[in-house]
């Protein structure tokens, strides 16, 4: 199992947690405050405990104690940032719930766990490797599942309709996925469709609570997406933009006023990669290869995958295809949020990606 290098771990831990007031103000904190205030007011008999915990957690808390099977795909190093065999960067704020439960002495109680989490994820307008979440669990409050979700969502997205559909989670029963409509900014496809997933909920599983006679509800919310919908933002990178014109708007919940949208630079790359490569694999590779320039990547998509056996010998030789690899055609969309991206720089970024993905197997990305 590959582990993060000391340098990679230091870089990940240096990422600002936008939910933490100690790291500077951000609109996500106002969103969290609105949600927690509304829930606390609705169930005043239940004390509200805010538990932040550490970014590095036990694998047992992140997976085992939440009910993930030993063979669960989520445990794969392609999706999890392992620090050691039994330690990892939390991949969800639900990983903080076991620790919070160990500190809770009685119910009724409301447990809130906000924070940044770490994913190996695809690159597009809705996904990032360091999203923010809020887990909200209600123990013995007498609340109904949709009642809890409704209070939280009405606080986050006032006056906005939302819907649910059945979903399965290892730490709940009767699980639901929560969706909200995309804002009317730009084409709906810029946010992935007419509806956007913003959370999940369900009845807290007994194997997580481990408290005979205690019942609970579990609600998990994607704070980045909620803020995007609240402010009318169609690109998740804007939440961390250093541009003062953007950053000033990320301290309040007023609608976002777009600033100087720049044209995209699209570059296609033909590379040799494992036949089963996914956009999640590529998202993490691209971020690692470009380092500080990774923020210029708006989207990475796989346009086609051609198995080695379907290619003529000359093409296999040119690409240096090894056993189990395929010719993968990628499209990389580059866009600087504050200025036009010169052709020469876009080409240089493309070349860096190609070299990093291909190594020395071919002489030129062109």
Protein backbone atom coordinates (compact mmCIF):
# COMPACT_ATOMS: atom_id res chain seq x y z
CA UNK A 1 0.00 0.00 0.00
CA UNK A 2 1.65 3.31 -1.04
CA UNK A 3 1.90 5.98 1.63
CA UNK A 4 2.25 9.74 1.31
CA UNK A 5 5.80 11.00 1.29
CA UNK A 6 6.76 13.53 3.99
CA UNK A 7 6.61 16.28 1.37
CA UNK A 8 3.18 15.23 0.13
CA UNK A 9 1.84 15.01 3.68
CA UNK A 10 3.20 18.45 4.57
CA UNK A 11 1.57 19.94 1.47
CA UNK A 12 -1.78 18.32 2.29
CA UNK A 13 -1.72 19.48 5.91
CA UNK A 14 -0.89 23.02 4.76
CA UNK A 15 -4.19 23.26 2.87
CA UNK A 16 -6.40 25.81 4.57
CA UNK A 17 -9.55 24.47 6.23
CA UNK A 18 -12.16 26.99 5.12
CA UNK A 19 -14.53 25.90 7.92
CA UNK A 20 -12.06 26.90 10.65
CA UNK A 21 -12.35 30.54 11.84
CA UNK A 22 -8.83 30.29 13.27
CA UNK A 23 -7.52 30.11 9.69
CA UNK A 24 -9.31 33.24 8.53
CA UNK A 25 -12.90 34.17 7.65
CA UNK A 26 -14.75 32.47 4.80
CA UNK A 27 -18.37 32.24 3.67
CA UNK A 28 -18.37 28.49 4.38
CA UNK A 29 -18.16 29.35 8.08
CA UNK A 30 -21.31 31.48 7.78
CA UNK A 31 -23.03 28.55 6.11
CA UNK A 32 -22.03 26.20 8.94
CA UNK A 33 -23.11 28.75 11.55
CA UNK A 34 -26.52 29.18 9.90
CA UNK A 35 -27.09 25.42 9.79
CA UNK A 36 -26.02 24.78 13.38
CA UNK A 37 -28.01 27.73 14.73
CA UNK A 38 -31.15 26.52 12.98
CA UNK A 39 -30.76 22.95 14.22
CA UNK A 40 -29.97 24.02 17.78
CA UNK A 41 -33.04 26.27 17.81
CA UNK A 42 -35.26 23.47 16.50
CA UNK A 43 -34.14 21.00 19.20
CA UNK A 44 -33.17 23.18 22.19
CA UNK A 45 -33.24 20.28 24.66
CA UNK A 46 -30.28 18.66 22.90
CA UNK A 47 -26.86 20.21 23.65
CA UNK A 48 -24.83 20.95 20.51
CA UNK A 49 -21.28 19.61 20.51
CA UNK A 50 -18.90 20.76 17.75
CA UNK A 51 -16.12 18.23 17.32
CA UNK A 52 -13.32 19.02 14.86
CA UNK A 53 -10.76 16.34 15.59
CA UNK A 54 -7.54 15.84 13.65
CA UNK A 55 -6.95 15.64 9.92
CA UNK A 56 -4.93 12.45 10.33
CA UNK A 57 -7.20 9.73 11.71
CA UNK A 58 -7.15 6.01 12.39
CA UNK A 59 -8.19 3.88 9.45
CA UNK A 60 -10.48 2.15 11.95
CA UNK A 61 -12.41 5.39 12.57
CA UNK A 62 -12.59 6.30 8.89
CA UNK A 63 -13.68 2.87 7.70
CA UNK A 64 -13.95 -0.03 10.18
CA UNK A 65 -16.09 1.59 12.88
CA UNK A 66 -18.38 3.08 10.24
CA UNK A 67 -19.11 -0.35 8.78
CA UNK A 68 -17.02 -0.36 5.62
CA UNK A 69 -16.24 -3.88 4.45
CA UNK A 70 -12.55 -4.89 4.39
CA UNK A 71 -12.85 -5.17 0.60
CA UNK A 72 -14.65 -1.82 0.09
CA UNK A 73 -13.36 0.01 -2.98
CA UNK A 74 -13.08 3.25 -0.97
CA UNK A 75 -10.16 1.73 0.96
CA UNK A 76 -8.05 1.43 -2.18
CA UNK A 77 -4.99 3.68 -2.23
CA UNK A 78 -6.33 5.12 -5.48
CA UNK A 79 -8.99 6.89 -3.40
CA UNK A 80 -7.42 7.13 0.06
CA UNK A 81 -4.37 9.09 1.18
CA UNK A 82 -2.61 6.72 3.59
CA UNK A 83 -0.02 8.06 6.00
CA UNK A 84 0.78 4.64 7.52
CA UNK A 85 -0.85 1.19 7.39
CA UNK A 86 -3.30 2.20 10.14
CA UNK A 87 -3.38 5.99 9.67
CA UNK A 88 -4.74 8.20 6.88
CA UNK A 89 -5.89 11.69 6.00
CA UNK A 90 -9.61 11.63 6.72
CA UNK A 91 -11.64 11.09 3.57
CA UNK A 92 -14.92 12.19 5.19
CA UNK A 93 -16.02 14.07 8.30
CA UNK A 94 -17.93 10.93 9.27
CA UNK A 95 -14.47 9.69 10.34
CA UNK A 96 -14.75 12.13 13.27
CA UNK A 97 -18.02 10.63 14.53
CA UNK A 98 -16.52 7.59 16.35
CA UNK A 99 -14.19 9.90 18.26
CA UNK A 100 -17.02 12.30 19.09
CA UNK A 101 -19.19 9.42 20.30
CA UNK A 102 -16.42 8.30 22.65
CA UNK A 103 -16.60 11.72 24.32
CA UNK A 104 -20.40 11.94 24.55
CA UNK A 105 -21.72 10.83 27.92
CA UNK A 106 -25.48 11.17 27.51
CA UNK A 107 -28.31 11.86 25.06
CA UNK A 108 -30.19 13.75 23.71
CA UNK A 109 -27.33 15.46 21.97
CA UNK A 110 -26.46 17.02 18.61
CA UNK A 111 -22.98 16.30 17.24
CA UNK A 112 -21.49 18.50 14.52
CA UNK A 113 -18.22 17.68 12.74
CA UNK A 114 -17.15 20.27 10.12
CA UNK A 115 -13.87 20.29 8.24
CA UNK A 116 -11.77 19.75 5.16
CA UNK A 117 -11.37 16.19 3.91
CA UNK A 118 -9.04 14.55 1.42
CA UNK A 119 -10.05 12.70 -1.72
CA UNK A 120 -8.33 11.38 -4.81
CA UNK A 121 -10.99 12.76 -7.12
CA UNK A 122 -11.77 13.75 -10.68
CA UNK A 123 -11.12 17.30 -11.87
CA UNK A 124 -14.14 19.29 -12.98
CA UNK A 125 -16.18 22.29 -11.85
CA UNK A 126 -17.77 20.37 -8.97
CA UNK A 127 -14.89 18.26 -7.66
CA UNK A 128 -11.71 18.98 -5.76
CA UNK A 129 -9.22 16.85 -3.87
CA UNK A 130 -9.86 18.84 -0.66
CA UNK A 131 -13.62 19.42 -0.24
CA UNK A 132 -15.34 20.52 2.96
CA UNK A 133 -18.06 18.60 4.74
CA UNK A 134 -20.34 18.86 7.75
CA UNK A 135 -21.53 15.75 9.57
CA UNK A 136 -24.52 16.39 11.81
CA UNK A 137 -25.77 13.54 13.99
CA UNK A 138 -28.82 13.79 16.26
CA UNK A 139 -29.08 11.28 19.12
CA UNK A 140 -32.39 10.73 20.94
CA UNK A 141 -33.77 14.11 19.89
CA UNK A 142 -37.07 12.74 18.57
CA UNK A 143 -36.35 14.32 15.19
CA UNK A 144 -37.49 12.77 11.95
CA UNK A 145 -34.91 12.18 9.22
CA UNK A 146 -36.45 14.53 6.68
CA UNK A 147 -37.16 17.03 9.44
CA UNK A 148 -33.44 17.17 10.34
CA UNK A 149 -32.43 17.42 6.69
CA UNK A 150 -35.07 20.06 6.03
CA UNK A 151 -34.00 22.34 8.87
CA UNK A 152 -30.37 22.17 7.75
CA UNK A 153 -31.07 22.67 4.05
CA UNK A 154 -33.55 25.49 4.61
CA UNK A 155 -30.83 27.29 6.58
CA UNK A 156 -28.21 26.68 3.92
CA UNK A 157 -30.42 27.30 0.87
CA UNK A 158 -33.38 29.44 1.96
CA UNK A 159 -36.43 29.03 -0.26
CA UNK A 160 -34.77 26.40 -2.47
CA UNK A 161 -36.57 23.13 -3.15
CA UNK A 162 -34.63 19.90 -2.67
CA UNK A 163 -35.26 16.22 -3.20
CA UNK A 164 -34.00 12.83 -2.05
CA UNK A 165 -33.53 9.43 -3.57
CA UNK A 166 -32.61 6.08 -1.97
CA UNK A 167 -28.91 5.45 -1.35
CA UNK A 168 -26.81 2.97 0.57
CA UNK A 169 -24.24 4.00 3.18
CA UNK A 170 -22.37 1.58 5.48
CA UNK A 171 -23.07 3.70 8.57
CA UNK A 172 -26.84 4.20 8.10
CA UNK A 173 -30.02 2.33 7.33
CA UNK A 174 -32.74 3.77 5.12
CA UNK A 175 -30.14 5.97 3.49
CA UNK A 176 -31.00 8.88 1.20
CA UNK A 177 -29.02 11.06 -1.20
CA UNK A 178 -29.96 14.75 -1.14
CA UNK A 179 -30.02 16.88 -4.28
CA UNK A 180 -30.69 20.57 -4.89
CA UNK A 181 -31.29 22.37 -8.20
CA UNK A 182 -28.36 24.00 -9.93
CA UNK A 183 -28.49 27.81 -10.01
CA UNK A 184 -29.48 29.67 -13.14
CA UNK A 185 -25.93 30.76 -14.03
CA UNK A 186 -24.60 29.66 -17.39
CA UNK A 187 -25.62 26.41 -19.07
CA UNK A 188 -26.90 23.76 -16.61
CA UNK A 189 -24.13 21.43 -17.75
CA UNK A 190 -21.55 23.69 -16.12
CA UNK A 191 -22.70 22.27 -12.79
CA UNK A 192 -23.15 18.75 -14.03
CA UNK A 193 -26.91 18.87 -14.74
CA UNK A 194 -30.16 20.33 -13.45
CA UNK A 195 -29.67 18.81 -9.96
CA UNK A 196 -26.56 18.64 -7.81
CA UNK A 197 -25.85 16.18 -5.00
CA UNK A 198 -25.33 18.16 -1.78
CA UNK A 199 -25.55 15.54 0.95
CA UNK A 200 -26.73 12.24 2.31
CA UNK A 201 -28.62 11.08 5.37
CA UNK A 202 -30.08 8.03 7.09
CA UNK A 203 -30.83 6.40 10.42
CA UNK A 204 -27.55 5.97 12.31
CA UNK A 205 -26.54 2.31 12.29
CA UNK A 206 -26.40 0.50 15.62
CA UNK A 207 -22.86 -0.75 14.92
CA UNK A 208 -21.69 2.87 14.84
CA UNK A 209 -23.62 4.15 17.88
CA UNK A 210 -22.83 1.11 20.06
CA UNK A 211 -25.29 2.41 22.65
CA UNK A 212 -28.17 0.06 23.45
CA UNK A 213 -31.47 1.92 23.51
CA UNK A 214 -30.09 5.05 21.83
CA UNK A 215 -31.38 6.01 18.39
CA UNK A 216 -29.78 8.49 16.06
CA UNK A 217 -29.94 10.23 12.72
CA UNK A 218 -26.95 10.93 10.48
CA UNK A 219 -26.73 13.85 8.05
CA UNK A 220 -23.70 14.66 5.90
CA UNK A 221 -23.53 17.82 3.81
CA UNK A 222 -21.13 18.96 1.08
CA UNK A 223 -20.35 22.51 2.11
CA UNK A 224 -18.53 23.57 -1.05
CA UNK A 225 -21.49 22.69 -3.24
CA UNK A 226 -24.00 24.25 -0.87
CA UNK A 227 -22.02 27.49 -0.95
CA UNK A 228 -21.78 27.35 -4.74
CA UNK A 229 -25.54 26.98 -5.00
CA UNK A 230 -26.18 29.65 -2.38
CA UNK A 231 -23.97 32.23 -4.12
CA UNK A 232 -24.52 31.17 -7.74
CA UNK A 233 -20.94 29.98 -8.34
CA UNK A 234 -20.29 27.50 -11.13
CA UNK A 235 -16.61 26.67 -10.51
CA UNK A 236 -15.39 25.20 -7.22
CA UNK A 237 -11.92 26.73 -7.68
CA UNK A 238 -13.36 30.16 -7.00
CA UNK A 239 -13.85 29.26 -3.33
CA UNK A 240 -10.07 29.37 -2.86
CA UNK A 241 -9.20 31.98 -5.48
CA UNK A 242 -6.40 34.38 -4.43
CA UNK A 243 -7.75 37.07 -6.78
CA UNK A 244 -8.80 39.92 -4.46
CA UNK A 245 -11.89 40.58 -6.59
CA UNK A 246 -13.02 37.01 -5.90
CA UNK A 247 -11.63 36.55 -2.38
CA UNK A 248 -13.54 39.58 -1.10
CA UNK A 249 -16.76 37.92 -2.21
CA UNK A 250 -15.90 34.71 -0.37
CA UNK A 251 -16.39 36.26 3.06
CA UNK A 252 -20.18 36.70 2.73
CA UNK A 253 -23.24 34.90 1.41
CA UNK A 254 -24.34 37.55 -1.10
CA UNK A 255 -24.71 36.35 -4.72
CA UNK A 256 -21.42 36.06 -6.56
CA UNK A 257 -20.60 38.70 -9.18
CA UNK A 258 -18.44 37.10 -11.90
CA UNK A 259 -15.12 38.73 -12.69
CA UNK A 260 -13.47 38.69 -16.12
CA UNK A 261 -14.12 35.15 -17.36
CA UNK A 262 -11.25 33.97 -19.52
CA UNK A 263 -11.38 31.69 -22.57
CA UNK A 264 -10.42 28.04 -22.01
CA UNK A 265 -7.39 26.39 -23.61
CA UNK A 266 -8.14 22.78 -24.63
CA UNK A 267 -5.29 20.36 -25.16
CA UNK A 268 -5.55 16.68 -26.19
CA UNK A 269 -2.94 14.13 -25.15
CA UNK A 270 -2.47 10.60 -26.48
CA UNK A 271 -0.72 8.57 -23.76
CA UNK A 272 -0.08 5.03 -22.54
CA UNK A 273 -1.87 4.31 -19.28
CA UNK A 274 -3.30 1.28 -17.44
CA UNK A 275 -6.34 -0.04 -19.30
CA UNK A 276 -8.58 0.47 -16.25
CA UNK A 277 -7.58 4.08 -15.59
CA UNK A 278 -10.32 6.34 -14.18
CA UNK A 279 -10.83 10.10 -14.08
CA UNK A 280 -10.19 9.93 -10.32
CA UNK A 281 -6.78 8.37 -10.95
CA UNK A 282 -5.99 11.08 -13.48
CA UNK A 283 -7.22 13.92 -11.31
CA UNK A 284 -4.74 13.05 -8.58
CA UNK A 285 -1.89 12.44 -11.05
CA UNK A 286 -2.47 15.77 -12.79
CA UNK A 287 -2.50 17.70 -9.51
CA UNK A 288 0.74 16.04 -8.47
CA UNK A 289 2.48 16.61 -11.81
CA UNK A 290 1.57 20.30 -12.09
CA UNK A 291 2.06 21.24 -8.46
CA UNK A 292 1.41 24.96 -7.99
CA UNK A 293 0.00 25.20 -11.52
CA UNK A 294 -2.68 22.55 -10.84
CA UNK A 295 -5.23 25.30 -10.19
CA UNK A 296 -5.14 26.17 -13.88
CA UNK A 297 -6.70 22.82 -14.77
CA UNK A 298 -10.45 23.16 -15.12
CA UNK A 299 -11.24 19.66 -16.30
CA UNK A 300 -9.63 16.39 -17.35
CA UNK A 301 -11.73 13.91 -19.34
CA UNK A 302 -11.05 10.57 -20.98
CA UNK A 303 -12.20 10.78 -24.59
CA UNK A 304 -11.30 7.24 -25.59
CA UNK A 305 -9.46 4.12 -24.41
CA UNK A 306 -8.05 1.78 -27.07
CA UNK A 307 -6.65 -1.56 -25.84
CA UNK A 308 -3.18 -2.46 -27.05
CA UNK A 309 -4.56 -5.42 -29.00
CA UNK A 310 -6.70 -3.09 -31.12
CA UNK A 311 -3.73 -1.03 -32.27
CA UNK A 312 -1.33 -1.80 -35.10
CA UNK A 313 2.19 -2.87 -34.04
CA UNK A 314 3.66 0.46 -35.16
CA UNK A 315 1.32 2.41 -32.85
CA UNK A 316 2.02 0.11 -29.92
CA UNK A 317 5.74 0.56 -30.47
CA UNK A 318 5.47 4.35 -30.81
CA UNK A 319 3.60 4.62 -27.50
CA UNK A 320 5.74 2.03 -25.76
CA UNK A 321 2.63 0.18 -24.56
CA UNK A 322 3.32 -2.40 -21.88
CA UNK A 323 1.21 -5.36 -20.85
CA UNK A 324 -2.13 -4.23 -19.39
CA UNK A 325 -1.87 -0.71 -20.85
CA UNK A 326 -3.98 1.08 -23.43
CA UNK A 327 -3.79 4.15 -25.62
CA UNK A 328 -5.79 6.75 -23.70
CA UNK A 329 -6.87 10.00 -25.34
CA UNK A 330 -7.22 12.75 -22.74
CA UNK A 331 -8.67 16.21 -23.04
CA UNK A 332 -7.29 18.76 -20.61
CA UNK A 333 -9.13 22.07 -20.27
CA UNK A 334 -6.95 24.89 -18.90
CA UNK A 335 -8.25 28.24 -17.76
CA UNK A 336 -6.71 31.01 -15.70
CA UNK A 337 -9.44 32.58 -13.58
CA UNK A 338 -7.88 36.04 -13.69
CA UNK A 339 -6.07 36.46 -17.03
CA UNK A 340 -5.87 35.03 -20.51
CA UNK A 341 -3.67 31.93 -20.63
CA UNK A 342 -0.97 32.42 -23.30
CA UNK A 343 -0.73 29.68 -25.91
CA UNK A 344 2.91 29.07 -25.05
CA UNK A 345 2.12 28.47 -21.38
CA UNK A 346 -0.82 26.20 -22.17
CA UNK A 347 1.45 24.15 -24.43
CA UNK A 348 4.14 24.02 -21.75
CA UNK A 349 1.61 22.70 -19.21
CA UNK A 350 0.44 20.11 -21.71
CA UNK A 351 4.04 19.02 -22.30
CA UNK A 352 4.66 18.69 -18.54
CA UNK A 353 1.60 16.49 -18.19
CA UNK A 354 2.56 14.35 -21.16
CA UNK A 355 6.12 13.89 -19.94
CA UNK A 356 4.96 13.01 -16.45
CA UNK A 357 2.39 10.50 -17.69
CA UNK A 358 4.59 8.94 -20.38
CA UNK A 359 8.10 9.23 -18.99
CA UNK A 360 10.76 8.48 -21.61
CA UNK A 361 8.68 6.16 -23.77
CA UNK A 362 8.12 8.59 -26.65
CA UNK A 363 10.04 11.60 -27.98
CA UNK A 364 7.34 14.26 -28.19
CA UNK A 365 3.74 15.01 -27.11
CA UNK A 366 3.04 16.63 -30.48
